Amino acid sequence: MELLQEAYLLRIFIGENDRFEGQQLYEWLVLQAREQQLAGATVLRGILGFGPKSRVYTTKILRLSQDLPIVIEIVDTKDRLDTFLDSVDHAIQEGMATMEKAEVRFYREQ
């Protein structure tokens, strides 16, 4: 797949415990991105964060959270990311999605 130099970065912020149809939401989102043949997706697990309710989620041993922040990052064209987001919006009950321009410097296969 060839990715244009000017692309977009979609970030979806959810919780580690978020689920859709019995599956981890972050896993379901990545599989949906793959099914739609997007350029690629990465899931990042946060060690500290808070959301709209201002509840702090942390990995600190004294306040071990079972619902750490998760960020799914996907880079592709704006149109393809818009289509993807429209198709998965119903599954995301809590969280946030952002999109920004990204300059692709290289995109290589192994």
PDB file of N, CA and C in Angstrom:
ATOM      1  N   MET A   1       0.847  -1.181   0.000  1.00  0.00           N
ATOM      2  CA  MET A   1       0.000   0.000   0.000  1.00  0.00           C
ATOM      3  C   MET A   1       0.884   1.233   0.000  1.00  0.00           C
ATOM      4  N   GLU A   2       0.538   2.180  -0.834  1.00  0.00           N
ATOM      5  CA  GLU A   2       1.280   3.433  -0.860  1.00  0.00           C
ATOM      6  C   GLU A   2       0.503   4.477  -0.078  1.00  0.00           C
ATOM      7  N   LEU A   3       1.190   5.188   0.783  1.00  0.00           N
ATOM      8  CA  LEU A   3       0.564   6.222   1.604  1.00  0.00           C
ATOM      9  C   LEU A   3       1.109   7.566   1.159  1.00  0.00           C
ATOM     10  N   LEU A   4       0.215   8.484   0.863  1.00  0.00           N
ATOM     11  CA  LEU A   4       0.623   9.807   0.435  1.00  0.00           C
ATOM     12  C   LEU A   4       1.450  10.493   1.506  1.00  0.00           C
ATOM     13  N   GLN A   5       2.283  11.450   1.096  1.00  0.00           N
ATOM     14  CA  GLN A   5       3.094  12.180   2.067  1.00  0.00           C
ATOM     15  C   GLN A   5       2.226  12.895   3.089  1.00  0.00           C
ATOM     16  N   GLU A   6       1.158  13.537   2.633  1.00  0.00           N
ATOM     17  CA  GLU A   6       0.266  14.211   3.570  1.00  0.00           C
ATOM     18  C   GLU A   6      -0.860  13.257   3.945  1.00  0.00           C
ATOM     19  N   ALA A   7      -0.874  12.879   5.176  1.00  0.00           N
ATOM     20  CA  ALA A   7      -1.884  11.963   5.678  1.00  0.00           C
ATOM     21  C   ALA A   7      -2.467  12.565   6.953  1.00  0.00           C
ATOM     22  N   TYR A   8      -3.258  11.773   7.646  1.00  0.00           N
ATOM     23  CA  TYR A   8      -3.855  12.223   8.905  1.00  0.00           C
ATOM     24  C   TYR A   8      -3.628  11.164   9.973  1.00  0.00           C
ATOM     25  N   LEU A   9      -3.530  11.633  11.213  1.00  0.00           N
ATOM     26  CA  LEU A   9      -3.364  10.760  12.367  1.00  0.00           C
ATOM     27  C   LEU A   9      -4.648  10.811  13.180  1.00  0.00           C
ATOM     28  N   LEU A  10      -5.275   9.665  13.316  1.00  0.00           N
ATOM     29  CA  LEU A  10      -6.463   9.525  14.154  1.00  0.00           C
ATOM     30  C   LEU A  10      -6.023   8.931  15.481  1.00  0.00           C
ATOM     31  N   ARG A  11      -6.421   9.576  16.567  1.00  0.00           N
ATOM     32  CA  ARG A  11      -6.159   9.040  17.903  1.00  0.00           C
ATOM     33  C   ARG A  11      -7.501   8.825  18.580  1.00  0.00           C
ATOM     34  N   ILE A  12      -7.676   7.628  19.117  1.00  0.00           N
ATOM     35  CA  ILE A  12      -8.887   7.302  19.867  1.00  0.00           C
ATOM     36  C   ILE A  12      -8.465   6.998  21.296  1.00  0.00           C
ATOM     37  N   PHE A  13      -9.012   7.752  22.239  1.00  0.00           N
ATOM     38  CA  PHE A  13      -8.695   7.616  23.658  1.00  0.00           C
ATOM     39  C   PHE A  13      -9.853   6.884  24.337  1.00  0.00           C
ATOM     40  N   ILE A  14      -9.556   5.735  24.926  1.00  0.00           N
ATOM     41  CA  ILE A  14     -10.569   4.946  25.620  1.00  0.00           C
ATOM     42  C   ILE A  14      -9.951   4.374  26.892  1.00  0.00           C
ATOM     43  N   GLY A  15     -10.717   3.575  27.615  1.00  0.00           N
ATOM     44  CA  GLY A  15     -10.215   2.891  28.795  1.00  0.00           C
ATOM     45  C   GLY A  15      -9.887   1.439  28.490  1.00  0.00           C
ATOM     46  N   GLU A  16      -8.958   0.911  29.246  1.00  0.00           N
ATOM     47  CA  GLU A  16      -8.516  -0.461  29.046  1.00  0.00           C
ATOM     48  C   GLU A  16      -9.651  -1.467  29.218  1.00  0.00           C
ATOM     49  N   ASN A  17     -10.603  -1.170  30.076  1.00  0.00           N
ATOM     50  CA  ASN A  17     -11.708  -2.092  30.338  1.00  0.00           C
ATOM     51  C   ASN A  17     -12.878  -1.934  29.380  1.00  0.00           C
ATOM     52  N   ASP A  18     -12.830  -0.955  28.489  1.00  0.00           N
ATOM     53  CA  ASP A  18     -13.937  -0.754  27.557  1.00  0.00           C
ATOM     54  C   ASP A  18     -14.066  -1.965  26.639  1.00  0.00           C
ATOM     55  N   ARG A  19     -15.311  -2.379  26.430  1.00  0.00           N
ATOM     56  CA  ARG A  19     -15.576  -3.562  25.633  1.00  0.00           C
ATOM     57  C   ARG A  19     -16.662  -3.274  24.609  1.00  0.00           C
ATOM     58  N   PHE A  20     -16.685  -4.093  23.559  1.00  0.00           N
ATOM     59  CA  PHE A  20     -17.753  -4.062  22.573  1.00  0.00           C
ATOM     60  C   PHE A  20     -18.054  -5.499  22.171  1.00  0.00           C
ATOM     61  N   GLU A  21     -19.300  -5.875  22.358  1.00  0.00           N
ATOM     62  CA  GLU A  21     -19.752  -7.240  22.044  1.00  0.00           C
ATOM     63  C   GLU A  21     -18.846  -8.294  22.687  1.00  0.00           C
ATOM     64  N   GLY A  22     -18.477  -8.060  23.952  1.00  0.00           N
ATOM     65  CA  GLY A  22     -17.695  -9.019  24.716  1.00  0.00           C
ATOM     66  C   GLY A  22     -16.197  -9.015  24.444  1.00  0.00           C
ATOM     67  N   GLN A  23     -15.740  -8.177  23.553  1.00  0.00           N
ATOM     68  CA  GLN A  23     -14.328  -8.135  23.178  1.00  0.00           C
ATOM     69  C   GLN A  23     -13.718  -6.822  23.668  1.00  0.00           C
ATOM     70  N   GLN A  24     -12.428  -6.837  23.967  1.00  0.00           N
ATOM     71  CA  GLN A  24     -11.747  -5.599  24.321  1.00  0.00           C
ATOM     72  C   GLN A  24     -11.957  -4.602  23.180  1.00  0.00           C
ATOM     73  N   LEU A  25     -12.399  -3.387  23.519  1.00  0.00           N
ATOM     74  CA  LEU A  25     -12.708  -2.394  22.487  1.00  0.00           C
ATOM     75  C   LEU A  25     -11.483  -2.054  21.653  1.00  0.00           C
ATOM     76  N   TYR A  26     -10.327  -1.897  22.298  1.00  0.00           N
ATOM     77  CA  TYR A  26      -9.130  -1.545  21.531  1.00  0.00           C
ATOM     78  C   TYR A  26      -8.774  -2.623  20.518  1.00  0.00           C
ATOM     79  N   GLU A  27      -8.964  -3.882  20.908  1.00  0.00           N
ATOM     80  CA  GLU A  27      -8.685  -4.988  19.985  1.00  0.00           C
ATOM     81  C   GLU A  27      -9.687  -4.977  18.827  1.00  0.00           C
ATOM     82  N   TRP A  28     -10.957  -4.764  19.154  1.00  0.00           N
ATOM     83  CA  TRP A  28     -11.998  -4.723  18.132  1.00  0.00           C
ATOM     84  C   TRP A  28     -11.726  -3.592  17.139  1.00  0.00           C
ATOM     85  N   LEU A  29     -11.306  -2.417  17.643  1.00  0.00           N
ATOM     86  CA  LEU A  29     -11.027  -1.285  16.768  1.00  0.00           C
ATOM     87  C   LEU A  29      -9.870  -1.575  15.813  1.00  0.00           C
ATOM     88  N   VAL A  30      -8.824  -2.194  16.320  1.00  0.00           N
ATOM     89  CA  VAL A  30      -7.681  -2.531  15.466  1.00  0.00           C
ATOM     90  C   VAL A  30      -8.091  -3.544  14.398  1.00  0.00           C
ATOM     91  N   LEU A  31      -8.881  -4.527  14.774  1.00  0.00           N
ATOM     92  CA  LEU A  31      -9.345  -5.515  13.794  1.00  0.00           C
ATOM     93  C   LEU A  31     -10.240  -4.871  12.742  1.00  0.00           C
ATOM     94  N   GLN A  32     -11.058  -3.905  13.154  1.00  0.00           N
ATOM     95  CA  GLN A  32     -11.890  -3.176  12.195  1.00  0.00           C
ATOM     96  C   GLN A  32     -11.015  -2.361  11.241  1.00  0.00           C
ATOM     97  N   ALA A  33      -9.972  -1.724  11.769  1.00  0.00           N
ATOM     98  CA  ALA A  33      -9.052  -0.957  10.922  1.00  0.00           C
ATOM     99  C   ALA A  33      -8.368  -1.872   9.911  1.00  0.00           C
ATOM    100  N   ARG A  34      -8.002  -3.044  10.351  1.00  0.00           N
ATOM    101  CA  ARG A  34      -7.359  -4.015   9.452  1.00  0.00           C
ATOM    102  C   ARG A  34      -8.334  -4.491   8.387  1.00  0.00           C
ATOM    103  N   GLU A  35      -9.564  -4.760   8.804  1.00  0.00           N
ATOM    104  CA  GLU A  35     -10.593  -5.206   7.865  1.00  0.00           C
ATOM    105  C   GLU A  35     -10.849  -4.141   6.791  1.00  0.00           C
ATOM    106  N   GLN A  36     -10.765  -2.870   7.183  1.00  0.00           N
ATOM    107  CA  GLN A  36     -10.976  -1.780   6.229  1.00  0.00           C
ATOM    108  C   GLN A  36      -9.698  -1.415   5.475  1.00  0.00           C
ATOM    109  N   GLN A  37      -8.660  -2.215   5.685  1.00  0.00           N
ATOM    110  CA  GLN A  37      -7.380  -2.085   4.992  1.00  0.00           C
ATOM    111  C   GLN A  37      -6.740  -0.704   5.170  1.00  0.00           C
ATOM    112  N   LEU A  38      -6.820  -0.189   6.397  1.00  0.00           N
ATOM    113  CA  LEU A  38      -6.122   1.051   6.703  1.00  0.00           C
ATOM    114  C   LEU A  38      -4.632   0.764   6.771  1.00  0.00           C
ATOM    115  N   ALA A  39      -3.827   1.811   6.725  1.00  0.00           N
ATOM    116  CA  ALA A  39      -2.373   1.648   6.625  1.00  0.00           C
ATOM    117  C   ALA A  39      -1.774   0.912   7.817  1.00  0.00           C
ATOM    118  N   GLY A  40      -2.323   1.098   9.016  1.00  0.00           N
ATOM    119  CA  GLY A  40      -1.802   0.426  10.197  1.00  0.00           C
ATOM    120  C   GLY A  40      -2.367   1.045  11.450  1.00  0.00           C
ATOM    121  N   ALA A  41      -2.251   0.346  12.551  1.00  0.00           N
ATOM    122  CA  ALA A  41      -2.764   0.832  13.835  1.00  0.00           C
ATOM    123  C   ALA A  41      -1.826   0.388  14.946  1.00  0.00           C
ATOM    124  N   THR A  42      -1.731   1.226  15.968  1.00  0.00           N
ATOM    125  CA  THR A  42      -0.922   0.914  17.146  1.00  0.00           C
ATOM    126  C   THR A  42      -1.736   1.230  18.392  1.00  0.00           C
ATOM    127  N   VAL A  43      -1.658   0.346  19.379  1.00  0.00           N
ATOM    128  CA  VAL A  43      -2.334   0.558  20.656  1.00  0.00           C
ATOM    129  C   VAL A  43      -1.277   0.881  21.701  1.00  0.00           C
ATOM    130  N   LEU A  44      -1.497   1.999  22.414  1.00  0.00           N
ATOM    131  CA  LEU A  44      -0.585   2.433  23.464  1.00  0.00           C
ATOM    132  C   LEU A  44      -1.328   2.390  24.796  1.00  0.00           C
ATOM    133  N   ARG A  45      -0.671   1.848  25.813  1.00  0.00           N
ATOM    134  CA  ARG A  45      -1.256   1.771  27.157  1.00  0.00           C
ATOM    135  C   ARG A  45      -0.613   2.837  28.022  1.00  0.00           C
ATOM    136  N   GLY A  46      -1.436   3.721  28.556  1.00  0.00           N
ATOM    137  CA  GLY A  46      -0.926   4.805  29.375  1.00  0.00           C
ATOM    138  C   GLY A  46      -0.619   4.370  30.796  1.00  0.00           C
ATOM    139  N   ILE A  47       0.315   5.064  31.424  1.00  0.00           N
ATOM    140  CA  ILE A  47       0.640   4.768  32.820  1.00  0.00           C
ATOM    141  C   ILE A  47      -0.018   5.746  33.777  1.00  0.00           C
ATOM    142  N   LEU A  48      -0.558   6.843  33.228  1.00  0.00           N
ATOM    143  CA  LEU A  48      -1.224   7.840  34.049  1.00  0.00           C
ATOM    144  C   LEU A  48      -2.111   8.682  33.152  1.00  0.00           C
ATOM    145  N   GLY A  49      -3.303   8.998  33.620  1.00  0.00           N
ATOM    146  CA  GLY A  49      -4.179   9.857  32.834  1.00  0.00           C
ATOM    147  C   GLY A  49      -5.482  10.119  33.555  1.00  0.00           C
ATOM    148  N   PHE A  50      -6.280  11.036  32.985  1.00  0.00           N
ATOM    149  CA  PHE A  50      -7.624  11.278  33.487  1.00  0.00           C
ATOM    150  C   PHE A  50      -8.493  11.729  32.332  1.00  0.00           C
ATOM    151  N   GLY A  51      -9.801  11.585  32.503  1.00  0.00           N
ATOM    152  CA  GLY A  51     -10.747  11.924  31.459  1.00  0.00           C
ATOM    153  C   GLY A  51     -11.736  12.971  31.916  1.00  0.00           C
ATOM    154  N   PRO A  52     -12.904  13.013  31.287  1.00  0.00           N
ATOM    155  CA  PRO A  52     -13.872  14.070  31.569  1.00  0.00           C
ATOM    156  C   PRO A  52     -14.392  14.078  33.005  1.00  0.00           C
ATOM    157  N   LYS A  53     -14.346  12.962  33.686  1.00  0.00           N
ATOM    158  CA  LYS A  53     -14.801  12.911  35.081  1.00  0.00           C
ATOM    159  C   LYS A  53     -13.683  13.268  36.062  1.00  0.00           C
ATOM    160  N   SER A  54     -12.493  13.562  35.549  1.00  0.00           N
ATOM    161  CA  SER A  54     -11.310  13.934  36.323  1.00  0.00           C
ATOM    162  C   SER A  54     -10.820  12.840  37.268  1.00  0.00           C
ATOM    163  N   ARG A  55     -11.247  11.618  37.071  1.00  0.00           N
ATOM    164  CA  ARG A  55     -10.738  10.501  37.865  1.00  0.00           C
ATOM    165  C   ARG A  55      -9.360  10.120  37.331  1.00  0.00           C
ATOM    166  N   VAL A  56      -8.381  10.020  38.233  1.00  0.00           N
ATOM    167  CA  VAL A  56      -7.016   9.708  37.835  1.00  0.00           C
ATOM    168  C   VAL A  56      -6.848   8.193  37.751  1.00  0.00           C
ATOM    169  N   TYR A  57      -6.264   7.754  36.646  1.00  0.00           N
ATOM    170  CA  TYR A  57      -5.944   6.344  36.430  1.00  0.00           C
ATOM    171  C   TYR A  57      -4.433   6.232  36.412  1.00  0.00           C
ATOM    172  N   THR A  58      -3.893   5.305  37.202  1.00  0.00           N
ATOM    173  CA  THR A  58      -2.440   5.215  37.331  1.00  0.00           C
ATOM    174  C   THR A  58      -1.994   3.776  37.535  1.00  0.00           C
ATOM    175  N   THR A  59      -0.701   3.544  37.279  1.00  0.00           N
ATOM    176  CA  THR A  59      -0.102   2.238  37.534  1.00  0.00           C
ATOM    177  C   THR A  59       0.600   2.199  38.879  1.00  0.00           C
ATOM    178  N   LYS A  60       0.565   3.299  39.640  1.00  0.00           N
ATOM    179  CA  LYS A  60       1.237   3.321  40.936  1.00  0.00           C
ATOM    180  C   LYS A  60       0.722   2.189  41.808  1.00  0.00           C
ATOM    181  N   ILE A  61       1.621   1.559  42.523  1.00  0.00           N
ATOM    182  CA  ILE A  61       1.304   0.359  43.287  1.00  0.00           C
ATOM    183  C   ILE A  61       0.232   0.607  44.359  1.00  0.00           C
ATOM    184  N   LEU A  62       0.222   1.797  44.962  1.00  0.00           N
ATOM    185  CA  LEU A  62      -0.758   2.057  46.011  1.00  0.00           C
ATOM    186  C   LEU A  62      -2.138   2.387  45.466  1.00  0.00           C
ATOM    187  N   ARG A  63      -2.206   2.780  44.209  1.00  0.00           N
ATOM    188  CA  ARG A  63      -3.487   3.112  43.581  1.00  0.00           C
ATOM    189  C   ARG A  63      -3.603   2.389  42.258  1.00  0.00           C
ATOM    190  N   LEU A  64      -3.392   1.092  42.279  1.00  0.00           N
ATOM    191  CA  LEU A  64      -3.391   0.305  41.057  1.00  0.00           C
ATOM    192  C   LEU A  64      -4.744   0.371  40.369  1.00  0.00           C
ATOM    193  N   SER A  65      -4.760   0.895  39.175  1.00  0.00           N
ATOM    194  CA  SER A  65      -5.992   1.021  38.403  1.00  0.00           C
ATOM    195  C   SER A  65      -6.163  -0.204  37.526  1.00  0.00           C
ATOM    196  N   GLN A  66      -7.381  -0.628  37.403  1.00  0.00           N
ATOM    197  CA  GLN A  66      -7.695  -1.726  36.502  1.00  0.00           C
ATOM    198  C   GLN A  66      -8.196  -1.215  35.161  1.00  0.00           C
ATOM    199  N   ASP A  67      -8.231   0.093  34.985  1.00  0.00           N
ATOM    200  CA  ASP A  67      -8.777   0.682  33.771  1.00  0.00           C
ATOM    201  C   ASP A  67      -7.856   1.786  33.275  1.00  0.00           C
ATOM    202  N   LEU A  68      -6.653   1.405  32.866  1.00  0.00           N
ATOM    203  CA  LEU A  68      -5.666   2.387  32.424  1.00  0.00           C
ATOM    204  C   LEU A  68      -6.053   2.997  31.083  1.00  0.00           C
ATOM    205  N   PRO A  69      -5.519   4.192  30.791  1.00  0.00           N
ATOM    206  CA  PRO A  69      -5.817   4.834  29.513  1.00  0.00           C
ATOM    207  C   PRO A  69      -5.233   4.044  28.342  1.00  0.00           C
ATOM    208  N   ILE A  70      -5.991   3.992  27.261  1.00  0.00           N
ATOM    209  CA  ILE A  70      -5.556   3.343  26.024  1.00  0.00           C
ATOM    210  C   ILE A  70      -5.690   4.363  24.902  1.00  0.00           C
ATOM    211  N   VAL A  71      -4.677   4.438  24.049  1.00  0.00           N
ATOM    212  CA  VAL A  71      -4.726   5.289  22.867  1.00  0.00           C
ATOM    213  C   VAL A  71      -4.485   4.406  21.653  1.00  0.00           C
ATOM    214  N   ILE A  72      -5.402   4.471  20.698  1.00  0.00           N
ATOM    215  CA  ILE A  72      -5.228   3.765  19.429  1.00  0.00           C
ATOM    216  C   ILE A  72      -4.857   4.819  18.398  1.00  0.00           C
ATOM    217  N   GLU A  73      -3.717   4.642  17.738  1.00  0.00           N
ATOM    218  CA  GLU A  73      -3.271   5.583  16.709  1.00  0.00           C
ATOM    219  C   GLU A  73      -3.337   4.905  15.350  1.00  0.00           C
ATOM    220  N   ILE A  74      -3.942   5.611  14.402  1.00  0.00           N
ATOM    221  CA  ILE A  74      -4.079   5.093  13.040  1.00  0.00           C
ATOM    222  C   ILE A  74      -3.737   6.224  12.076  1.00  0.00           C
ATOM    223  N   VAL A  75      -2.878   5.947  11.098  1.00  0.00           N
ATOM    224  CA  VAL A  75      -2.516   6.934  10.082  1.00  0.00           C
ATOM    225  C   VAL A  75      -3.003   6.454   8.728  1.00  0.00           C
ATOM    226  N   ASP A  76      -3.684   7.335   8.020  1.00  0.00           N
ATOM    227  CA  ASP A  76      -4.154   7.037   6.669  1.00  0.00           C
ATOM    228  C   ASP A  76      -4.641   8.352   6.076  1.00  0.00           C
ATOM    229  N   THR A  77      -5.357   8.296   4.962  1.00  0.00           N
ATOM    230  CA  THR A  77      -5.903   9.515   4.386  1.00  0.00           C
ATOM    231  C   THR A  77      -7.100   9.968   5.214  1.00  0.00           C
ATOM    232  N   LYS A  78      -7.426  11.240   5.118  1.00  0.00           N
ATOM    233  CA  LYS A  78      -8.547  11.794   5.884  1.00  0.00           C
ATOM    234  C   LYS A  78      -9.855  11.108   5.516  1.00  0.00           C
ATOM    235  N   ASP A  79     -10.106  10.909   4.238  1.00  0.00           N
ATOM    236  CA  ASP A  79     -11.350  10.269   3.804  1.00  0.00           C
ATOM    237  C   ASP A  79     -11.495   8.857   4.372  1.00  0.00           C
ATOM    238  N   ARG A  80     -10.421   8.093   4.330  1.00  0.00           N
ATOM    239  CA  ARG A  80     -10.480   6.714   4.832  1.00  0.00           C
ATOM    240  C   ARG A  80     -10.669   6.689   6.352  1.00  0.00           C
ATOM    241  N   LEU A  81     -10.024   7.624   7.047  1.00  0.00           N
ATOM    242  CA  LEU A  81     -10.185   7.693   8.499  1.00  0.00           C
ATOM    243  C   LEU A  81     -11.583   8.168   8.878  1.00  0.00           C
ATOM    244  N   ASP A  82     -12.142   9.105   8.126  1.00  0.00           N
ATOM    245  CA  ASP A  82     -13.518   9.543   8.372  1.00  0.00           C
ATOM    246  C   ASP A  82     -14.492   8.380   8.202  1.00  0.00           C
ATOM    247  N   THR A  83     -14.310   7.611   7.151  1.00  0.00           N
ATOM    248  CA  THR A  83     -15.166   6.444   6.901  1.00  0.00           C
ATOM    249  C   THR A  83     -15.039   5.438   8.041  1.00  0.00           C
ATOM    250  N   PHE A  84     -13.797   5.186   8.462  1.00  0.00           N
ATOM    251  CA  PHE A  84     -13.560   4.257   9.568  1.00  0.00           C
ATOM    252  C   PHE A  84     -14.248   4.733  10.841  1.00  0.00           C
ATOM    253  N   LEU A  85     -14.041   6.000  11.175  1.00  0.00           N
ATOM    254  CA  LEU A  85     -14.622   6.539  12.405  1.00  0.00           C
ATOM    255  C   LEU A  85     -16.151   6.479  12.373  1.00  0.00           C
ATOM    256  N   ASP A  86     -16.743   6.779  11.234  1.00  0.00           N
ATOM    257  CA  ASP A  86     -18.201   6.662  11.101  1.00  0.00           C
ATOM    258  C   ASP A  86     -18.667   5.229  11.342  1.00  0.00           C
ATOM    259  N   SER A  87     -17.875   4.262  10.907  1.00  0.00           N
ATOM    260  CA  SER A  87     -18.287   2.855  11.021  1.00  0.00           C
ATOM    261  C   SER A  87     -18.106   2.277  12.420  1.00  0.00           C
ATOM    262  N   VAL A  88     -17.274   2.902  13.257  1.00  0.00           N
ATOM    263  CA  VAL A  88     -17.027   2.367  14.607  1.00  0.00           C
ATOM    264  C   VAL A  88     -17.589   3.250  15.712  1.00  0.00           C
ATOM    265  N   ASP A  89     -18.099   4.412  15.368  1.00  0.00           N
ATOM    266  CA  ASP A  89     -18.582   5.379  16.356  1.00  0.00           C
ATOM    267  C   ASP A  89     -19.565   4.759  17.344  1.00  0.00           C
ATOM    268  N   HIS A  90     -20.461   3.912  16.861  1.00  0.00           N
ATOM    269  CA  HIS A  90     -21.490   3.305  17.720  1.00  0.00           C
ATOM    270  C   HIS A  90     -20.906   2.439  18.833  1.00  0.00           C
ATOM    271  N   ALA A  91     -19.690   1.947  18.652  1.00  0.00           N
ATOM    272  CA  ALA A  91     -19.080   1.033  19.614  1.00  0.00           C
ATOM    273  C   ALA A  91     -18.362   1.769  20.745  1.00  0.00           C
ATOM    274  N   ILE A  92     -18.109   3.057  20.571  1.00  0.00           N
ATOM    275  CA  ILE A  92     -17.335   3.824  21.552  1.00  0.00           C
ATOM    276  C   ILE A  92     -18.307   4.614  22.421  1.00  0.00           C
ATOM    277  N   GLN A  93     -18.555   4.098  23.622  1.00  0.00           N
ATOM    278  CA  GLN A  93     -19.516   4.729  24.534  1.00  0.00           C
ATOM    279  C   GLN A  93     -18.901   5.881  25.315  1.00  0.00           C
ATOM    280  N   GLU A  94     -17.629   5.774  25.670  1.00  0.00           N
ATOM    281  CA  GLU A  94     -16.911   6.815  26.396  1.00  0.00           C
ATOM    282  C   GLU A  94     -15.546   6.980  25.752  1.00  0.00           C
ATOM    283  N   GLY A  95     -15.056   8.203  25.740  1.00  0.00           N
ATOM    284  CA  GLY A  95     -13.726   8.424  25.200  1.00  0.00           C
ATOM    285  C   GLY A  95     -13.675   9.674  24.360  1.00  0.00           C
ATOM    286  N   MET A  96     -12.638   9.762  23.534  1.00  0.00           N
ATOM    287  CA  MET A  96     -12.436  10.931  22.687  1.00  0.00           C
ATOM    288  C   MET A  96     -11.690  10.494  21.440  1.00  0.00           C
ATOM    289  N   ALA A  97     -11.974  11.148  20.330  1.00  0.00           N
ATOM    290  CA  ALA A  97     -11.229  10.922  19.092  1.00  0.00           C
ATOM    291  C   ALA A  97     -10.727  12.261  18.588  1.00  0.00           C
ATOM    292  N   THR A  98      -9.476  12.298  18.154  1.00  0.00           N
ATOM    293  CA  THR A  98      -8.898  13.505  17.570  1.00  0.00           C
ATOM    294  C   THR A  98      -8.279  13.140  16.230  1.00  0.00           C
ATOM    295  N   MET A  99      -8.157  14.133  15.359  1.00  0.00           N
ATOM    296  CA  MET A  99      -7.518  13.909  14.074  1.00  0.00           C
ATOM    297  C   MET A  99      -6.671  15.131  13.741  1.00  0.00           C
ATOM    298  N   GLU A 100      -5.489  14.864  13.224  1.00  0.00           N
ATOM    299  CA  GLU A 100      -4.588  15.955  12.856  1.00  0.00           C
ATOM    300  C   GLU A 100      -3.787  15.567  11.626  1.00  0.00           C
ATOM    301  N   LYS A 101      -3.310  16.570  10.909  1.00  0.00           N
ATOM    302  CA  LYS A 101      -2.471  16.312   9.747  1.00  0.00           C
ATOM    303  C   LYS A 101      -1.170  15.669  10.201  1.00  0.00           C
ATOM    304  N   ALA A 102      -0.674  14.784   9.373  1.00  0.00           N
ATOM    305  CA  ALA A 102       0.606  14.123   9.652  1.00  0.00           C
ATOM    306  C   ALA A 102       1.388  14.028   8.350  1.00  0.00           C
ATOM    307  N   GLU A 103       2.660  14.320   8.419  1.00  0.00           N
ATOM    308  CA  GLU A 103       3.522  14.158   7.253  1.00  0.00           C
ATOM    309  C   GLU A 103       4.185  12.789   7.336  1.00  0.00           C
ATOM    310  N   VAL A 104       3.915  11.948   6.363  1.00  0.00           N
ATOM    311  CA  VAL A 104       4.504  10.604   6.335  1.00  0.00           C
ATOM    312  C   VAL A 104       5.884  10.717   5.697  1.00  0.00           C
ATOM    313  N   ARG A 105       6.901  10.370   6.457  1.00  0.00           N
ATOM    314  CA  ARG A 105       8.286  10.445   5.959  1.00  0.00           C
ATOM    315  C   ARG A 105       8.669   9.164   5.236  1.00  0.00           C
ATOM    316  N   PHE A 106       8.194   8.021   5.739  1.00  0.00           N
ATOM    317  CA  PHE A 106       8.335   6.761   5.022  1.00  0.00           C
ATOM    318  C   PHE A 106       7.321   5.780   5.568  1.00  0.00           C
ATOM    319  N   TYR A 107       6.985   4.807   4.731  1.00  0.00           N
ATOM    320  CA  TYR A 107       6.046   3.740   5.093  1.00  0.00           C
ATOM    321  C   TYR A 107       6.515   2.509   4.357  1.00  0.00           C
ATOM    322  N   ARG A 108       7.213   1.626   5.073  1.00  0.00           N
ATOM    323  CA  ARG A 108       7.899   0.502   4.431  1.00  0.00           C
ATOM    324  C   ARG A 108       7.394  -0.830   4.945  1.00  0.00           C
ATOM    325  N   GLU A 109       7.431  -1.803   4.082  1.00  0.00           N
ATOM    326  CA  GLU A 109       7.120  -3.173   4.473  1.00  0.00           C
ATOM    327  C   GLU A 109       8.414  -3.868   4.856  1.00  0.00           C
ATOM    328  N   GLN A 110       8.269  -4.972   5.590  1.00  0.00           N
ATOM    329  CA  GLN A 110       9.463  -5.762   5.942  1.00  0.00           C
ATOM    330  C   GLN A 110       9.775  -6.711   4.842  1.00  0.00           C
TER     331      GLN A 110
END
